Amino acid sequence: MKDALIIFVRNPELGKVKTRLAATVGAEQALTIHCNFIKHYKKHASEVAADKFVYYYTTIPDNDIRNEH
């Protein structure tokens, strides 16, 4: 059996991510935090010796974390 890292990601859309947090800090700041989490996942996932799978809530964005450099 191979090891796998599976990451489920909500698409980074203004007003649709971190909504409970947005109630306090605002939708734009919540989106920034969400995008920073995605960068964090990417950084640490690259250190894991496993097959990696990223699943988005709706569609795969053009700037998918697997395609960023």
Protein backbone atom coordinates (compact mmCIF):
# COMPACT_ATOMS: atom_id res chain seq x y z
CA MET A 1 0.00 0.00 0.00
CA LYS A 2 1.30 3.45 -0.95
CA ASP A 3 1.06 6.46 1.33
CA ALA A 4 -1.18 9.28 0.18
CA LEU A 5 -1.80 12.82 1.30
CA ILE A 6 -5.27 14.06 0.38
CA ILE A 7 -6.05 17.76 0.70
CA PHE A 8 -9.61 19.07 0.38
CA VAL A 9 -9.67 22.77 -0.51
CA ARG A 10 -12.54 25.20 -0.77
CA ASN A 11 -12.10 27.40 -3.83
CA PRO A 12 -10.68 30.81 -2.87
CA GLU A 13 -13.70 33.02 -3.58
CA LEU A 14 -14.48 36.27 -1.83
CA GLY A 15 -17.36 35.83 0.59
CA LYS A 16 -17.33 32.03 0.36
CA VAL A 17 -14.38 31.08 2.55
CA LYS A 18 -13.79 31.34 6.28
CA THR A 19 -17.25 32.84 6.68
CA ARG A 20 -17.34 32.64 10.48
CA LEU A 21 -13.98 34.40 10.62
CA ALA A 22 -15.18 36.93 8.02
CA ALA A 23 -17.93 38.00 10.39
CA THR A 24 -15.18 39.45 12.57
CA VAL A 25 -12.36 40.44 10.20
CA GLY A 26 -14.24 41.00 6.93
CA ALA A 27 -14.51 38.95 3.76
CA GLU A 28 -11.32 40.27 2.13
CA GLN A 29 -9.16 39.49 5.17
CA ALA A 30 -10.79 36.05 5.46
CA LEU A 31 -9.93 35.36 1.81
CA THR A 32 -6.33 36.43 2.43
CA ILE A 33 -6.14 34.06 5.41
CA HIS A 34 -7.61 31.23 3.35
CA CYS A 35 -5.06 31.80 0.56
CA ASN A 36 -2.26 31.83 3.14
CA PHE A 37 -3.51 28.48 4.46
CA ILE A 38 -3.36 27.09 0.92
CA LYS A 39 0.27 28.28 0.60
CA HIS A 40 1.00 26.69 3.98
CA TYR A 41 -0.52 23.37 2.85
CA LYS A 42 1.55 23.45 -0.34
CA LYS A 43 4.81 24.16 1.51
CA HIS A 44 4.35 21.37 4.01
CA ALA A 45 2.85 18.89 1.55
CA SER A 46 6.02 19.13 -0.53
CA GLU A 47 7.91 17.75 2.48
CA VAL A 48 5.72 14.63 2.71
CA ALA A 49 6.89 11.46 0.99
CA ALA A 50 3.55 10.34 -0.41
CA ASP A 51 1.34 10.59 -3.46
CA LYS A 52 -0.52 13.88 -3.23
CA PHE A 53 -4.11 14.58 -4.24
CA VAL A 54 -5.85 17.95 -4.08
CA TYR A 55 -9.64 18.09 -4.34
CA TYR A 56 -11.42 21.41 -4.77
CA TYR A 57 -14.95 22.17 -3.66
CA THR A 58 -16.16 23.22 -7.11
CA THR A 59 -13.60 23.62 -9.92
CA ILE A 60 -9.83 23.45 -10.27
CA PRO A 61 -8.59 27.05 -10.54
CA ASP A 62 -5.99 28.11 -13.10
CA ASN A 63 -3.61 28.93 -10.24
CA ASP A 64 -4.03 25.51 -8.64
CA ILE A 65 -1.52 24.92 -5.83
CA ARG A 66 -0.05 22.04 -7.81
CA ASN A 67 0.84 24.42 -10.68
CA GLU A 68 2.33 27.31 -8.69
CA HIS A 69 6.10 27.63 -8.49
